[in-house]
Amino acid sequence: MRLLERVRKEWFMVGIVVAIGAAKLKPSVGVNGGPLKPEITVSYIAVATIFFNSGLSLKTEFADSRLHASPRVFCRDFNQGSWWK
């Protein structure tokens, strides 16, 4: 029972060890042009997922204040840009 509790507590490290072991046993899965297509998944999907997760972790007060500031900045810049015409 204590082993199961320890594995549940350290699930991330267990996952890393399993992933490294799987990569050692079958390296052809992650090679360029392989089934995982790392040239696409790492450069686009992984980066988009990281930014999406960091956006989800923002506090709502911070996001609301940013949304209220953007129309003001847009209107100010738009009005100043039309002075030259």
C-alpha atoms as a PDB file:
ATOM      1  CA  MET A   1       0.000   0.000   0.000  1.00  0.00           C
ATOM      2  CA  ARG A   2       2.833   2.411   0.760  1.00  0.00           C
ATOM      3  CA  LEU A   3       4.354   1.807  -2.683  1.00  0.00           C
ATOM      4  CA  LEU A   4       1.095   2.728  -4.401  1.00  0.00           C
ATOM      5  CA  GLU A   5       0.822   5.912  -2.324  1.00  0.00           C
ATOM      6  CA  ARG A   6       4.407   6.821  -3.200  1.00  0.00           C
ATOM      7  CA  VAL A   7       3.756   6.274  -6.928  1.00  0.00           C
ATOM      8  CA  ARG A   8       0.636   8.458  -6.759  1.00  0.00           C
ATOM      9  CA  LYS A   9       2.605  11.178  -5.016  1.00  0.00           C
ATOM     10  CA  GLU A  10       5.527  11.001  -7.480  1.00  0.00           C
ATOM     11  CA  TRP A  11       3.447  10.454 -10.635  1.00  0.00           C
ATOM     12  CA  PHE A  12       5.399  12.963 -12.683  1.00  0.00           C
ATOM     13  CA  MET A  13       8.775  11.341 -12.012  1.00  0.00           C
ATOM     14  CA  VAL A  14       7.307   7.905 -12.739  1.00  0.00           C
ATOM     15  CA  GLY A  15       5.983   9.245 -16.049  1.00  0.00           C
ATOM     16  CA  ILE A  16       9.385  10.659 -16.968  1.00  0.00           C
ATOM     17  CA  VAL A  17      11.083   7.341 -16.218  1.00  0.00           C
ATOM     18  CA  VAL A  18       8.490   5.459 -18.301  1.00  0.00           C
ATOM     19  CA  ALA A  19       8.907   7.901 -21.206  1.00  0.00           C
ATOM     20  CA  ILE A  20      12.706   7.588 -21.117  1.00  0.00           C
ATOM     21  CA  GLY A  21      12.432   3.800 -20.971  1.00  0.00           C
ATOM     22  CA  ALA A  22      10.044   3.737 -23.935  1.00  0.00           C
ATOM     23  CA  ALA A  23      12.385   5.994 -25.923  1.00  0.00           C
ATOM     24  CA  LYS A  24      15.298   3.682 -25.151  1.00  0.00           C
ATOM     25  CA  LEU A  25      13.360   0.598 -26.289  1.00  0.00           C
ATOM     26  CA  LYS A  26      11.872   2.095 -29.479  1.00  0.00           C
ATOM     27  CA  PRO A  27      13.841   5.182 -30.648  1.00  0.00           C
ATOM     28  CA  SER A  28      12.407   5.021 -34.185  1.00  0.00           C
ATOM     29  CA  VAL A  29       9.104   6.487 -32.942  1.00  0.00           C
ATOM     30  CA  GLY A  30      10.609   9.899 -32.186  1.00  0.00           C
ATOM     31  CA  VAL A  31      13.011  10.224 -35.108  1.00  0.00           C
ATOM     32  CA  ASN A  32      12.451  12.950 -37.755  1.00  0.00           C
ATOM     33  CA  GLY A  33       9.810  11.700 -40.174  1.00  0.00           C
ATOM     34  CA  GLY A  34       8.612   9.091 -37.669  1.00  0.00           C
ATOM     35  CA  PRO A  35       5.056   8.584 -36.433  1.00  0.00           C
ATOM     36  CA  LEU A  36       5.269  11.400 -33.860  1.00  0.00           C
ATOM     37  CA  LYS A  37       6.507  13.928 -36.452  1.00  0.00           C
ATOM     38  CA  PRO A  38       8.702  15.865 -33.971  1.00  0.00           C
ATOM     39  CA  GLU A  39       9.455  18.545 -36.553  1.00  0.00           C
ATOM     40  CA  ILE A  40       5.778  19.572 -36.291  1.00  0.00           C
ATOM     41  CA  THR A  41       4.715  18.509 -32.815  1.00  0.00           C
ATOM     42  CA  VAL A  42       7.646  20.074 -30.976  1.00  0.00           C
ATOM     43  CA  SER A  43       7.838  23.304 -32.925  1.00  0.00           C
ATOM     44  CA  TYR A  44       4.134  24.130 -33.145  1.00  0.00           C
ATOM     45  CA  ILE A  45       1.879  21.981 -30.988  1.00  0.00           C
ATOM     46  CA  ALA A  46       4.112  21.864 -27.906  1.00  0.00           C
ATOM     47  CA  VAL A  47       4.752  25.626 -27.940  1.00  0.00           C
ATOM     48  CA  ALA A  48       1.055  26.383 -28.429  1.00  0.00           C
ATOM     49  CA  THR A  49       0.153  24.042 -25.560  1.00  0.00           C
ATOM     50  CA  ILE A  50       2.669  25.704 -23.239  1.00  0.00           C
ATOM     51  CA  PHE A  51       1.312  29.192 -23.982  1.00  0.00           C
ATOM     52  CA  PHE A  52      -2.286  27.986 -23.680  1.00  0.00           C
ATOM     53  CA  ASN A  53      -1.600  26.430 -20.261  1.00  0.00           C
ATOM     54  CA  SER A  54       0.168  29.558 -19.031  1.00  0.00           C
ATOM     55  CA  GLY A  55      -2.793  31.638 -20.203  1.00  0.00           C
ATOM     56  CA  LEU A  56      -5.177  29.425 -18.269  1.00  0.00           C
ATOM     57  CA  SER A  57      -3.177  30.006 -15.103  1.00  0.00           C
ATOM     58  CA  LEU A  58      -3.573  33.811 -15.252  1.00  0.00           C
ATOM     59  CA  LYS A  59      -5.718  35.359 -12.570  1.00  0.00           C
ATOM     60  CA  THR A  60      -8.993  36.704 -13.900  1.00  0.00           C
ATOM     61  CA  GLU A  61      -8.412  40.135 -12.363  1.00  0.00           C
ATOM     62  CA  PHE A  62      -5.240  40.528 -14.425  1.00  0.00           C
ATOM     63  CA  ALA A  63      -6.965  39.416 -17.627  1.00  0.00           C
ATOM     64  CA  ASP A  64      -9.932  41.737 -17.022  1.00  0.00           C
ATOM     65  CA  SER A  65      -7.685  44.739 -16.461  1.00  0.00           C
ATOM     66  CA  ARG A  66      -5.829  43.995 -19.689  1.00  0.00           C
ATOM     67  CA  LEU A  67      -9.054  43.704 -21.659  1.00  0.00           C
ATOM     68  CA  HIS A  68     -10.292  47.055 -20.391  1.00  0.00           C
ATOM     69  CA  ALA A  69      -7.011  48.794 -21.237  1.00  0.00           C
ATOM     70  CA  SER A  70      -6.773  47.670 -24.854  1.00  0.00           C
ATOM     71  CA  PRO A  71      -9.712  49.653 -26.330  1.00  0.00           C
ATOM     72  CA  ARG A  72      -8.419  52.808 -24.666  1.00  0.00           C
ATOM     73  CA  VAL A  73      -4.964  52.333 -26.118  1.00  0.00           C
ATOM     74  CA  PHE A  74      -6.415  51.520 -29.534  1.00  0.00           C
ATOM     75  CA  CYS A  75      -8.621  54.621 -29.556  1.00  0.00           C
ATOM     76  CA  ARG A  76      -5.768  56.855 -28.429  1.00  0.00           C
ATOM     77  CA  ASP A  77      -3.409  55.532 -31.101  1.00  0.00           C
ATOM     78  CA  PHE A  78      -6.091  55.684 -33.776  1.00  0.00           C
ATOM     79  CA  ASN A  79      -6.969  59.293 -32.935  1.00  0.00           C
ATOM     80  CA  GLN A  80      -3.346  60.421 -32.889  1.00  0.00           C
ATOM     81  CA  GLY A  81      -2.690  58.652 -36.174  1.00  0.00           C
ATOM     82  CA  SER A  82      -5.491  60.561 -37.875  1.00  0.00           C
ATOM     83  CA  TRP A  83      -4.049  63.960 -36.861  1.00  0.00           C
ATOM     84  CA  TRP A  84      -1.564  63.817 -39.714  1.00  0.00           C
ATOM     85  CA  LYS A  85      -4.196  63.555 -42.459  1.00  0.00           C
END
